N, C-alpha and C. Protein backbone atom coordinates (compact mmCIF):
# COMPACT_ATOMS: atom_id res chain seq x y z
N UNK A 1 -64.74 75.71 -59.63
CA UNK A 1 -63.49 75.11 -59.18
C UNK A 1 -63.56 74.88 -57.67
N UNK A 2 -63.25 73.67 -57.27
CA UNK A 2 -63.22 73.34 -55.85
C UNK A 2 -61.88 73.73 -55.27
N UNK A 3 -61.88 74.12 -54.01
CA UNK A 3 -60.62 74.47 -53.35
C UNK A 3 -59.77 73.22 -53.18
N UNK A 4 -58.48 73.39 -53.27
CA UNK A 4 -57.50 72.34 -53.03
C UNK A 4 -57.51 71.23 -54.09
N UNK A 5 -58.05 71.48 -55.26
CA UNK A 5 -57.98 70.52 -56.35
C UNK A 5 -56.67 70.67 -57.09
N UNK A 6 -56.13 69.59 -57.55
CA UNK A 6 -54.91 69.64 -58.36
C UNK A 6 -55.27 70.05 -59.79
N UNK A 7 -54.29 70.63 -60.46
CA UNK A 7 -54.45 70.98 -61.88
C UNK A 7 -53.33 70.30 -62.65
N UNK A 8 -53.70 69.61 -63.72
CA UNK A 8 -52.72 68.94 -64.57
C UNK A 8 -52.77 69.51 -65.97
N UNK A 9 -51.61 69.82 -66.53
CA UNK A 9 -51.50 70.40 -67.86
C UNK A 9 -50.68 69.47 -68.74
N UNK A 10 -51.21 69.13 -69.89
CA UNK A 10 -50.53 68.26 -70.84
C UNK A 10 -50.58 68.93 -72.21
N UNK A 11 -49.42 69.38 -72.69
CA UNK A 11 -49.36 70.06 -73.99
C UNK A 11 -48.91 69.06 -75.04
N UNK A 12 -49.71 68.93 -76.09
CA UNK A 12 -49.47 67.93 -77.14
C UNK A 12 -49.51 68.58 -78.51
N UNK A 13 -49.09 67.81 -79.51
CA UNK A 13 -49.12 68.27 -80.90
C UNK A 13 -50.44 67.86 -81.55
N UNK A 14 -51.28 68.82 -81.87
CA UNK A 14 -52.48 68.55 -82.65
C UNK A 14 -53.74 68.31 -81.86
N UNK A 15 -54.85 68.64 -82.49
CA UNK A 15 -56.15 68.55 -81.85
C UNK A 15 -56.61 67.09 -81.68
N UNK A 16 -56.37 66.26 -82.66
CA UNK A 16 -56.77 64.85 -82.55
C UNK A 16 -56.02 64.20 -81.39
N UNK A 17 -54.75 64.46 -81.29
CA UNK A 17 -53.94 63.92 -80.19
C UNK A 17 -54.49 64.40 -78.85
N UNK A 18 -54.89 65.67 -78.77
CA UNK A 18 -55.45 66.22 -77.54
C UNK A 18 -56.73 65.50 -77.14
N UNK A 19 -57.62 65.26 -78.11
CA UNK A 19 -58.86 64.54 -77.80
C UNK A 19 -58.57 63.12 -77.33
N UNK A 20 -57.64 62.45 -77.97
CA UNK A 20 -57.29 61.09 -77.58
C UNK A 20 -56.66 61.07 -76.18
N UNK A 21 -55.79 62.04 -75.88
CA UNK A 21 -55.14 62.12 -74.57
C UNK A 21 -56.16 62.42 -73.47
N UNK A 22 -57.09 63.33 -73.73
CA UNK A 22 -58.09 63.63 -72.71
C UNK A 22 -59.01 62.44 -72.48
N UNK A 23 -59.35 61.73 -73.53
CA UNK A 23 -60.18 60.54 -73.39
C UNK A 23 -59.49 59.49 -72.52
N UNK A 24 -58.22 59.26 -72.80
CA UNK A 24 -57.46 58.29 -72.00
C UNK A 24 -57.36 58.73 -70.55
N UNK A 25 -57.12 60.01 -70.32
CA UNK A 25 -57.02 60.53 -68.96
C UNK A 25 -58.32 60.41 -68.19
N UNK A 26 -59.43 60.72 -68.85
CA UNK A 26 -60.74 60.65 -68.19
C UNK A 26 -61.15 59.21 -67.90
N UNK A 27 -60.74 58.29 -68.76
CA UNK A 27 -61.06 56.88 -68.51
C UNK A 27 -60.19 56.28 -67.41
N UNK A 28 -59.02 56.86 -67.20
CA UNK A 28 -58.08 56.34 -66.19
C UNK A 28 -58.38 56.85 -64.79
N UNK A 29 -59.03 58.00 -64.67
CA UNK A 29 -59.20 58.60 -63.34
C UNK A 29 -60.44 59.49 -63.31
N UNK A 30 -60.90 59.77 -62.11
CA UNK A 30 -62.06 60.63 -61.90
C UNK A 30 -61.60 62.09 -61.92
N UNK A 31 -61.53 62.67 -63.11
CA UNK A 31 -61.08 64.05 -63.26
C UNK A 31 -62.12 64.84 -64.06
N UNK A 32 -62.04 66.15 -63.96
CA UNK A 32 -62.85 67.05 -64.77
C UNK A 32 -61.93 67.70 -65.80
N UNK A 33 -62.51 68.10 -66.91
CA UNK A 33 -61.74 68.79 -67.95
C UNK A 33 -62.06 70.27 -67.95
N UNK A 34 -61.09 71.05 -68.39
CA UNK A 34 -61.31 72.46 -68.64
C UNK A 34 -61.08 72.68 -70.14
N UNK A 35 -61.55 73.78 -70.70
CA UNK A 35 -61.39 74.01 -72.15
C UNK A 35 -59.93 73.95 -72.59
N UNK A 36 -59.73 73.45 -73.81
CA UNK A 36 -58.40 73.40 -74.41
C UNK A 36 -57.85 74.81 -74.62
N UNK A 37 -56.54 74.92 -74.57
CA UNK A 37 -55.85 76.12 -75.06
C UNK A 37 -55.13 75.70 -76.33
N UNK A 38 -55.29 76.47 -77.39
CA UNK A 38 -54.65 76.14 -78.67
C UNK A 38 -53.69 77.26 -79.05
N UNK A 39 -52.55 76.89 -79.64
CA UNK A 39 -51.53 77.85 -80.00
C UNK A 39 -50.82 77.40 -81.26
N UNK A 40 -50.66 78.29 -82.21
CA UNK A 40 -49.86 78.01 -83.40
C UNK A 40 -48.59 78.85 -83.29
N UNK A 41 -47.48 78.23 -82.87
CA UNK A 41 -46.25 78.99 -82.63
C UNK A 41 -45.58 79.43 -83.93
N UNK A 42 -44.63 80.32 -83.80
CA UNK A 42 -43.92 80.87 -84.96
C UNK A 42 -43.19 79.78 -85.74
N UNK A 43 -42.71 78.75 -85.05
CA UNK A 43 -41.97 77.67 -85.72
C UNK A 43 -42.89 76.52 -86.11
N UNK A 44 -44.16 76.79 -86.35
CA UNK A 44 -45.16 75.75 -86.60
C UNK A 44 -44.78 74.82 -87.75
N UNK A 45 -44.13 75.34 -88.78
CA UNK A 45 -43.78 74.51 -89.92
C UNK A 45 -42.75 73.43 -89.59
N UNK A 46 -41.99 73.62 -88.52
CA UNK A 46 -40.97 72.63 -88.15
C UNK A 46 -41.49 71.59 -87.14
N UNK A 47 -42.75 71.71 -86.73
CA UNK A 47 -43.32 70.79 -85.74
C UNK A 47 -43.99 69.60 -86.43
N UNK A 48 -44.15 68.48 -85.70
CA UNK A 48 -44.83 67.32 -86.27
C UNK A 48 -46.25 67.65 -86.74
N UNK A 49 -46.94 68.48 -85.97
CA UNK A 49 -48.27 69.00 -86.31
C UNK A 49 -48.21 70.48 -85.95
N UNK A 50 -48.68 71.38 -86.84
CA UNK A 50 -48.47 72.82 -86.61
C UNK A 50 -49.41 73.47 -85.60
N UNK A 51 -49.88 72.71 -84.62
CA UNK A 51 -50.76 73.27 -83.59
C UNK A 51 -50.42 72.62 -82.26
N UNK A 52 -50.22 73.44 -81.24
CA UNK A 52 -50.00 72.95 -79.88
C UNK A 52 -51.31 73.10 -79.12
N UNK A 53 -51.71 72.06 -78.41
CA UNK A 53 -52.95 72.07 -77.65
C UNK A 53 -52.65 71.66 -76.22
N UNK A 54 -53.19 72.40 -75.25
CA UNK A 54 -53.02 72.06 -73.84
C UNK A 54 -54.30 71.45 -73.31
N UNK A 55 -54.19 70.23 -72.82
CA UNK A 55 -55.28 69.51 -72.17
C UNK A 55 -55.16 69.79 -70.69
N UNK A 56 -56.28 70.13 -70.04
CA UNK A 56 -56.25 70.49 -68.62
C UNK A 56 -57.18 69.59 -67.82
N UNK A 57 -56.60 68.91 -66.82
CA UNK A 57 -57.36 68.03 -65.93
C UNK A 57 -57.46 68.67 -64.55
N UNK A 58 -58.59 68.44 -63.85
CA UNK A 58 -58.77 68.90 -62.47
C UNK A 58 -59.32 67.76 -61.65
N UNK A 59 -58.87 67.67 -60.40
CA UNK A 59 -59.36 66.64 -59.49
C UNK A 59 -58.41 66.48 -58.33
N UNK A 60 -58.50 65.34 -57.67
CA UNK A 60 -57.57 65.08 -56.56
C UNK A 60 -56.16 64.90 -57.13
N UNK A 61 -55.18 65.01 -56.27
CA UNK A 61 -53.79 64.87 -56.70
C UNK A 61 -53.57 63.51 -57.36
N UNK A 62 -54.03 62.44 -56.71
CA UNK A 62 -53.84 61.10 -57.26
C UNK A 62 -54.56 60.92 -58.59
N UNK A 63 -55.77 61.45 -58.69
CA UNK A 63 -56.53 61.32 -59.94
C UNK A 63 -55.87 62.08 -61.08
N UNK A 64 -55.39 63.28 -60.80
CA UNK A 64 -54.74 64.08 -61.85
C UNK A 64 -53.43 63.42 -62.28
N UNK A 65 -52.68 62.87 -61.33
CA UNK A 65 -51.45 62.15 -61.69
C UNK A 65 -51.76 60.98 -62.61
N UNK A 66 -52.80 60.22 -62.29
CA UNK A 66 -53.17 59.07 -63.11
C UNK A 66 -53.65 59.51 -64.50
N UNK A 67 -54.43 60.58 -64.54
CA UNK A 67 -54.91 61.10 -65.83
C UNK A 67 -53.76 61.59 -66.69
N UNK A 68 -52.80 62.29 -66.07
CA UNK A 68 -51.64 62.78 -66.82
C UNK A 68 -50.83 61.61 -67.38
N UNK A 69 -50.62 60.58 -66.58
CA UNK A 69 -49.85 59.42 -67.04
C UNK A 69 -50.53 58.75 -68.24
N UNK A 70 -51.84 58.54 -68.12
CA UNK A 70 -52.57 57.89 -69.21
C UNK A 70 -52.61 58.78 -70.45
N UNK A 71 -52.85 60.07 -70.26
CA UNK A 71 -52.88 60.99 -71.38
C UNK A 71 -51.53 61.11 -72.07
N UNK A 72 -50.47 61.14 -71.27
CA UNK A 72 -49.12 61.22 -71.84
C UNK A 72 -48.79 59.96 -72.64
N UNK A 73 -49.14 58.79 -72.11
CA UNK A 73 -48.87 57.54 -72.83
C UNK A 73 -49.59 57.53 -74.18
N UNK A 74 -50.83 57.97 -74.18
CA UNK A 74 -51.60 58.01 -75.43
C UNK A 74 -50.98 59.01 -76.41
N UNK A 75 -50.64 60.19 -75.93
CA UNK A 75 -50.08 61.23 -76.80
C UNK A 75 -48.73 60.80 -77.39
N UNK A 76 -47.91 60.13 -76.58
CA UNK A 76 -46.61 59.66 -77.08
C UNK A 76 -46.78 58.61 -78.18
N UNK A 77 -47.86 57.86 -78.12
CA UNK A 77 -48.10 56.85 -79.16
C UNK A 77 -48.64 57.49 -80.45
N UNK A 78 -49.01 58.75 -80.39
CA UNK A 78 -49.54 59.45 -81.55
C UNK A 78 -48.52 60.46 -82.06
N UNK A 79 -48.77 61.75 -81.84
CA UNK A 79 -47.88 62.78 -82.37
C UNK A 79 -46.84 63.27 -81.38
N UNK A 80 -47.04 63.02 -80.08
CA UNK A 80 -46.04 63.38 -79.09
C UNK A 80 -46.50 64.40 -78.06
N UNK A 81 -45.65 64.56 -77.06
CA UNK A 81 -45.91 65.47 -75.94
C UNK A 81 -44.88 66.59 -75.98
N UNK A 82 -45.34 67.81 -75.82
CA UNK A 82 -44.44 68.95 -75.72
C UNK A 82 -43.95 69.06 -74.28
N UNK A 83 -44.89 69.08 -73.34
CA UNK A 83 -44.55 69.12 -71.92
C UNK A 83 -45.76 68.77 -71.08
N UNK A 84 -45.51 68.44 -69.80
CA UNK A 84 -46.61 68.21 -68.87
C UNK A 84 -46.20 68.78 -67.52
N UNK A 85 -47.22 69.16 -66.76
CA UNK A 85 -46.94 69.74 -65.45
C UNK A 85 -48.18 69.56 -64.58
N UNK A 86 -47.96 69.33 -63.29
CA UNK A 86 -49.05 69.25 -62.33
C UNK A 86 -48.80 70.23 -61.21
N UNK A 87 -49.84 70.94 -60.82
CA UNK A 87 -49.80 71.82 -59.66
C UNK A 87 -50.72 71.17 -58.63
N UNK A 88 -50.13 70.74 -57.52
CA UNK A 88 -50.87 69.93 -56.55
C UNK A 88 -52.06 70.66 -55.95
N UNK A 89 -51.88 71.85 -55.48
CA UNK A 89 -52.98 72.58 -54.85
C UNK A 89 -52.87 74.08 -55.14
N UNK A 90 -53.21 74.48 -56.38
CA UNK A 90 -53.10 75.91 -56.72
C UNK A 90 -54.11 76.74 -55.94
N UNK A 91 -53.78 77.98 -55.69
CA UNK A 91 -54.71 78.88 -55.02
C UNK A 91 -55.16 79.95 -55.97
């Protein structure tokens, strides 16, 4: 991890959606990926897809913002977005 890199988190429904969102984000900006986090919540049966996956982007602030926007647009066209968040310069 480089110092002063931004971190972007995009939580989506399902593994296929996560792969599509990360692909869109990586094609939109010069970012690096970190491993997915996967979670099956207690209310999984009431969700569109019973698995929540967090896609994580790293890079410059502008690159992470662009990757999050592209990834979010792709995820919304598929199963949907739970939440997204960017931390500009975590320590």
